[in-house]
Every structure is written in structure tokens, then in C-alpha cells.
Amino acid sequence: MLLLVPFVAYLDPAWYDRMEPRVLGFPFFYAYQLGWIALTSILIGVVLFLGRLRR
């Protein structure tokens, strides 16, 4: 279920397809995607950790 969160976040580009506000000099579109890359990595780590606990 945790891995559905990034999938849903990318479903509708109209949510994040804009230039402003700029985040660390990047247009919002790119900052949004870079942020989700980092969050998805963390979520994958959590899912793997929880999967190993269940064994």
C-alpha cells in the first residue's frame, strides 16, 4: 500500500505542472519530481524493512 502513494502522486501532472514557485532555483515541476524520487526511495526502504520483519 505504501508504494501506491508515489504512483498516485504522479497520476495527474496538472497538479504539479507549473514553473512557480521555484524551489532551490528549480522550477516547481522538477523540484516536485526530485522530491518524490527521494521519498519513493525512503518508502521502498521502509517496505523492504517491514517485509524482512514479517519473515
C-alpha atoms as a PDB file:
ATOM      1  CA  MET A   1       0.000   0.000   0.000  1.00  0.00           C
ATOM      2  CA  LEU A   2       2.878   2.377   0.729  1.00  0.00           C
ATOM      3  CA  LEU A   3       4.170   2.054  -2.812  1.00  0.00           C
ATOM      4  CA  LEU A   4       0.859   3.289  -4.200  1.00  0.00           C
ATOM      5  CA  VAL A   5       1.494   6.747  -2.719  1.00  0.00           C
ATOM      6  CA  PRO A   6       4.149   7.821  -5.286  1.00  0.00           C
ATOM      7  CA  PHE A   7       2.094   6.287  -8.080  1.00  0.00           C
ATOM      8  CA  VAL A   8      -0.940   8.385  -7.157  1.00  0.00           C
ATOM      9  CA  ALA A   9       1.247  11.488  -6.735  1.00  0.00           C
ATOM     10  CA  TYR A  10       2.287  11.246 -10.406  1.00  0.00           C
ATOM     11  CA  LEU A  11      -1.140  10.438 -11.882  1.00  0.00           C
ATOM     12  CA  ASP A  12      -2.253  13.954 -12.768  1.00  0.00           C
ATOM     13  CA  PRO A  13       0.528  16.246 -13.984  1.00  0.00           C
ATOM     14  CA  ALA A  14      -1.853  19.209 -13.789  1.00  0.00           C
ATOM     15  CA  TRP A  15      -1.207  19.195 -10.003  1.00  0.00           C
ATOM     16  CA  TYR A  16       2.482  19.994 -10.394  1.00  0.00           C
ATOM     17  CA  ASP A  17       2.980  21.240 -13.970  1.00  0.00           C
ATOM     18  CA  ARG A  18       3.997  24.823 -13.258  1.00  0.00           C
ATOM     19  CA  MET A  19       7.136  26.939 -13.078  1.00  0.00           C
ATOM     20  CA  GLU A  20       6.440  28.861  -9.882  1.00  0.00           C
ATOM     21  CA  PRO A  21       7.214  28.689  -7.015  1.00  0.00           C
ATOM     22  CA  ARG A  22      10.881  27.951  -7.568  1.00  0.00           C
ATOM     23  CA  VAL A  23      12.432  25.552  -5.067  1.00  0.00           C
ATOM     24  CA  LEU A  24      16.205  25.922  -4.631  1.00  0.00           C
ATOM     25  CA  GLY A  25      16.359  27.512  -8.081  1.00  0.00           C
ATOM     26  CA  PHE A  26      14.498  24.676  -9.790  1.00  0.00           C
ATOM     27  CA  PRO A  27      11.070  25.175 -11.337  1.00  0.00           C
ATOM     28  CA  PHE A  28       8.382  23.536  -9.209  1.00  0.00           C
ATOM     29  CA  PHE A  29       7.835  20.796 -11.820  1.00  0.00           C
ATOM     30  CA  TYR A  30      11.397  19.494 -11.426  1.00  0.00           C
ATOM     31  CA  ALA A  31      11.548  20.038  -7.670  1.00  0.00           C
ATOM     32  CA  TYR A  32       8.315  18.029  -7.256  1.00  0.00           C
ATOM     33  CA  GLN A  33       9.733  15.122  -9.244  1.00  0.00           C
ATOM     34  CA  LEU A  34      13.099  15.182  -7.441  1.00  0.00           C
ATOM     35  CA  GLY A  35      11.313  15.263  -4.104  1.00  0.00           C
ATOM     36  CA  TRP A  36       9.235  12.230  -4.999  1.00  0.00           C
ATOM     37  CA  ILE A  37      12.341  10.353  -6.126  1.00  0.00           C
ATOM     38  CA  ALA A  38      13.810  10.820  -2.641  1.00  0.00           C
ATOM     39  CA  LEU A  39      10.526   9.972  -0.888  1.00  0.00           C
ATOM     40  CA  THR A  40       9.993   6.890  -3.051  1.00  0.00           C
ATOM     41  CA  SER A  41      13.466   5.628  -2.130  1.00  0.00           C
ATOM     42  CA  ILE A  42      12.625   6.041   1.541  1.00  0.00           C
ATOM     43  CA  LEU A  43       9.271   4.287   1.102  1.00  0.00           C
ATOM     44  CA  ILE A  44      10.922   1.372  -0.716  1.00  0.00           C
ATOM     45  CA  GLY A  45      13.386   1.054   2.167  1.00  0.00           C
ATOM     46  CA  VAL A  46      10.521   1.010   4.679  1.00  0.00           C
ATOM     47  CA  VAL A  47       8.657  -1.638   2.685  1.00  0.00           C
ATOM     48  CA  LEU A  48      11.785  -3.809   2.461  1.00  0.00           C
ATOM     49  CA  PHE A  49      12.458  -3.418   6.181  1.00  0.00           C
ATOM     50  CA  LEU A  50       8.896  -4.312   7.118  1.00  0.00           C
ATOM     51  CA  GLY A  51       8.975  -7.261   4.719  1.00  0.00           C
ATOM     52  CA  ARG A  52      12.054  -8.659   6.429  1.00  0.00           C
ATOM     53  CA  LEU A  53      10.429  -8.282   9.841  1.00  0.00           C
ATOM     54  CA  ARG A  54       7.498 -10.446   8.753  1.00  0.00           C
ATOM     55  CA  ARG A  55       9.727 -13.408   7.814  1.00  0.00           C
END
